[in-house]
Amino acid sequence: MALTEERKQQYVADGGTKCPYCESHDIEGSFVEINVGSGHQRVRCAGCGKVWTDFYELIDMEEDEETGDGKD
């Protein structure tokens, strides 16, 4: 099955929870490689064997209250 722009958009809208090719929920991602403000991860579907790359973007941050006064 070909990956259409509509299927890509639906995959992203669904939060990457099922294969954009065969719609199987049996997908597995490798480690996430982090760069400045972004990251990416290879993902494989056990249902159809397709492999693709998910891309991530830093959208927010929150202070961790357990870090104390911020002095290192």
N, C-alpha and C. Protein backbone atom coordinates (compact mmCIF):
# COMPACT_ATOMS: atom_id res chain seq x y z
N MET A 1 0.84 -1.18 0.00
CA MET A 1 0.00 0.00 0.00
C MET A 1 0.89 1.25 0.00
N ALA A 2 0.58 2.19 -0.85
CA ALA A 2 1.36 3.42 -0.96
C ALA A 2 1.03 4.37 0.20
N LEU A 3 2.01 5.12 0.62
CA LEU A 3 1.82 6.08 1.70
C LEU A 3 1.42 7.42 1.11
N THR A 4 0.18 7.80 1.30
CA THR A 4 -0.33 9.07 0.79
C THR A 4 -0.10 10.17 1.83
N GLU A 5 -0.18 11.41 1.39
CA GLU A 5 -0.06 12.55 2.31
C GLU A 5 -1.16 12.49 3.37
N GLU A 6 -2.35 12.06 2.98
CA GLU A 6 -3.46 11.94 3.92
C GLU A 6 -3.14 10.91 5.02
N ARG A 7 -2.55 9.77 4.64
CA ARG A 7 -2.18 8.74 5.63
C ARG A 7 -1.09 9.27 6.57
N LYS A 8 -0.13 10.01 6.02
CA LYS A 8 0.92 10.60 6.86
C LYS A 8 0.32 11.56 7.88
N GLN A 9 -0.58 12.41 7.43
CA GLN A 9 -1.21 13.38 8.33
C GLN A 9 -2.04 12.67 9.40
N GLN A 10 -2.73 11.60 9.02
CA GLN A 10 -3.53 10.85 10.00
C GLN A 10 -2.63 10.16 11.03
N TYR A 11 -1.50 9.62 10.58
CA TYR A 11 -0.53 8.99 11.48
C TYR A 11 -0.05 9.99 12.53
N VAL A 12 0.30 11.19 12.10
CA VAL A 12 0.75 12.23 13.02
C VAL A 12 -0.38 12.65 13.95
N ALA A 13 -1.59 12.86 13.40
CA ALA A 13 -2.74 13.27 14.21
C ALA A 13 -3.08 12.23 15.28
N ASP A 14 -2.88 10.95 14.96
CA ASP A 14 -3.15 9.86 15.91
C ASP A 14 -2.02 9.65 16.91
N GLY A 15 -0.95 10.43 16.79
CA GLY A 15 0.17 10.31 17.72
C GLY A 15 1.10 9.16 17.42
N GLY A 16 1.07 8.64 16.19
CA GLY A 16 1.97 7.57 15.81
C GLY A 16 1.68 6.25 16.49
N THR A 17 0.42 5.95 16.72
CA THR A 17 0.06 4.75 17.47
C THR A 17 -0.18 3.51 16.61
N LYS A 18 -0.29 3.70 15.28
CA LYS A 18 -0.48 2.54 14.41
C LYS A 18 0.22 2.78 13.09
N CYS A 19 0.54 1.71 12.40
CA CYS A 19 1.28 1.77 11.15
C CYS A 19 0.52 2.60 10.11
N PRO A 20 1.19 3.56 9.47
CA PRO A 20 0.51 4.37 8.46
C PRO A 20 0.28 3.60 7.16
N TYR A 21 0.86 2.42 7.02
CA TYR A 21 0.70 1.60 5.81
C TYR A 21 -0.44 0.58 5.97
N CYS A 22 -0.37 -0.23 7.05
CA CYS A 22 -1.36 -1.31 7.21
C CYS A 22 -2.28 -1.12 8.41
N GLU A 23 -2.05 -0.08 9.21
CA GLU A 23 -2.84 0.27 10.39
C GLU A 23 -2.71 -0.70 11.55
N SER A 24 -1.68 -1.55 11.53
CA SER A 24 -1.41 -2.43 12.67
C SER A 24 -0.90 -1.60 13.85
N HIS A 25 -1.27 -2.04 15.05
CA HIS A 25 -0.76 -1.40 16.26
C HIS A 25 0.55 -2.03 16.71
N ASP A 26 1.02 -3.03 15.99
CA ASP A 26 2.24 -3.75 16.35
C ASP A 26 3.46 -3.07 15.73
N ILE A 27 3.75 -1.84 16.22
CA ILE A 27 4.91 -1.09 15.73
C ILE A 27 5.90 -0.90 16.86
N GLU A 28 7.16 -0.78 16.50
CA GLU A 28 8.22 -0.67 17.49
C GLU A 28 9.25 0.35 17.03
N GLY A 29 9.61 1.25 17.92
CA GLY A 29 10.60 2.27 17.60
C GLY A 29 11.94 1.97 18.23
N SER A 30 13.00 2.41 17.55
CA SER A 30 14.35 2.29 18.10
C SER A 30 14.58 3.47 19.05
N PHE A 31 15.82 3.68 19.46
CA PHE A 31 16.13 4.79 20.34
C PHE A 31 15.86 6.11 19.61
N VAL A 32 15.59 7.16 20.37
CA VAL A 32 15.36 8.48 19.80
C VAL A 32 16.69 9.23 19.81
N GLU A 33 17.12 9.67 18.65
CA GLU A 33 18.35 10.45 18.53
C GLU A 33 17.98 11.92 18.66
N ILE A 34 18.55 12.58 19.67
CA ILE A 34 18.21 13.97 19.98
C ILE A 34 19.26 14.90 19.41
N ASN A 35 18.78 15.96 18.75
CA ASN A 35 19.61 17.04 18.26
C ASN A 35 19.12 18.32 18.95
N VAL A 36 19.65 19.46 18.63
CA VAL A 36 19.23 20.70 19.25
C VAL A 36 17.78 21.01 18.84
N GLY A 37 16.86 20.88 19.79
CA GLY A 37 15.46 21.22 19.56
C GLY A 37 14.65 20.22 18.76
N SER A 38 15.26 19.09 18.36
CA SER A 38 14.52 18.11 17.58
C SER A 38 15.09 16.72 17.80
N GLY A 39 14.43 15.74 17.26
CA GLY A 39 14.90 14.37 17.35
C GLY A 39 14.25 13.52 16.27
N HIS A 40 14.75 12.30 16.12
CA HIS A 40 14.14 11.39 15.16
C HIS A 40 14.32 9.95 15.65
N GLN A 41 13.48 9.06 15.13
CA GLN A 41 13.43 7.67 15.57
C GLN A 41 13.00 6.78 14.41
N ARG A 42 13.72 5.70 14.19
CA ARG A 42 13.31 4.71 13.18
C ARG A 42 12.23 3.84 13.80
N VAL A 43 11.21 3.56 13.02
CA VAL A 43 10.07 2.77 13.49
C VAL A 43 9.83 1.64 12.49
N ARG A 44 9.48 0.46 13.02
CA ARG A 44 9.22 -0.71 12.17
C ARG A 44 7.88 -1.31 12.54
N CYS A 45 7.13 -1.73 11.53
CA CYS A 45 5.85 -2.41 11.74
C CYS A 45 6.07 -3.91 11.64
N ALA A 46 5.69 -4.64 12.69
CA ALA A 46 5.80 -6.10 12.66
C ALA A 46 4.72 -6.71 11.78
N GLY A 47 3.65 -5.96 11.53
CA GLY A 47 2.56 -6.48 10.71
C GLY A 47 2.90 -6.57 9.23
N CYS A 48 3.49 -5.50 8.68
CA CYS A 48 3.77 -5.48 7.24
C CYS A 48 5.25 -5.34 6.90
N GLY A 49 6.09 -5.11 7.92
CA GLY A 49 7.53 -5.03 7.70
C GLY A 49 8.04 -3.68 7.22
N LYS A 50 7.15 -2.69 7.04
CA LYS A 50 7.59 -1.37 6.60
C LYS A 50 8.40 -0.69 7.69
N VAL A 51 9.35 0.14 7.25
CA VAL A 51 10.20 0.91 8.16
C VAL A 51 10.12 2.37 7.75
N TRP A 52 10.06 3.27 8.74
CA TRP A 52 10.02 4.70 8.46
C TRP A 52 10.69 5.45 9.60
N THR A 53 10.80 6.75 9.48
CA THR A 53 11.42 7.59 10.50
C THR A 53 10.41 8.60 10.99
N ASP A 54 10.24 8.66 12.32
CA ASP A 54 9.42 9.69 12.96
C ASP A 54 10.33 10.85 13.32
N PHE A 55 9.83 12.08 13.17
CA PHE A 55 10.58 13.27 13.53
C PHE A 55 9.86 13.99 14.66
N TYR A 56 10.64 14.46 15.63
CA TYR A 56 10.10 15.12 16.82
C TYR A 56 10.67 16.53 16.92
N GLU A 57 9.89 17.41 17.58
CA GLU A 57 10.28 18.79 17.74
C GLU A 57 10.02 19.21 19.19
N LEU A 58 10.94 19.94 19.79
CA LEU A 58 10.75 20.46 21.14
C LEU A 58 9.63 21.50 21.10
N ILE A 59 8.59 21.29 21.91
CA ILE A 59 7.46 22.21 21.89
C ILE A 59 7.26 22.94 23.21
N ASP A 60 7.89 22.47 24.28
CA ASP A 60 7.69 23.11 25.58
C ASP A 60 8.71 22.54 26.56
N MET A 61 8.77 23.15 27.74
CA MET A 61 9.59 22.62 28.83
C MET A 61 8.91 22.96 30.14
N GLU A 62 9.27 22.22 31.16
CA GLU A 62 8.72 22.46 32.48
C GLU A 62 9.82 22.27 33.50
N GLU A 63 9.88 23.16 34.47
CA GLU A 63 10.89 23.07 35.50
C GLU A 63 10.63 21.86 36.39
N ASP A 64 11.69 21.15 36.72
CA ASP A 64 11.60 20.01 37.63
C ASP A 64 11.82 20.54 39.04
N GLU A 65 10.80 20.46 39.87
CA GLU A 65 10.88 21.02 41.21
C GLU A 65 11.90 20.31 42.09
N GLU A 66 12.32 19.11 41.71
CA GLU A 66 13.29 18.36 42.52
C GLU A 66 14.72 18.78 42.29
N THR A 67 14.96 19.73 41.39
CA THR A 67 16.34 20.12 41.08
C THR A 67 16.92 21.12 42.05
N GLY A 68 16.15 21.59 43.00
CA GLY A 68 16.68 22.52 43.99
C GLY A 68 16.70 23.95 43.50
N ASP A 69 17.82 24.65 43.82
CA ASP A 69 17.89 26.08 43.54
C ASP A 69 18.45 26.41 42.16
N GLY A 70 18.74 25.43 41.35
CA GLY A 70 19.24 25.68 40.01
C GLY A 70 20.74 25.85 39.93
N LYS A 71 21.44 25.78 41.06
CA LYS A 71 22.91 25.90 41.06
C LYS A 71 23.52 24.53 40.87
N ASP A 72 24.49 24.45 39.98
CA ASP A 72 25.16 23.17 39.72
C ASP A 72 26.44 23.06 40.50
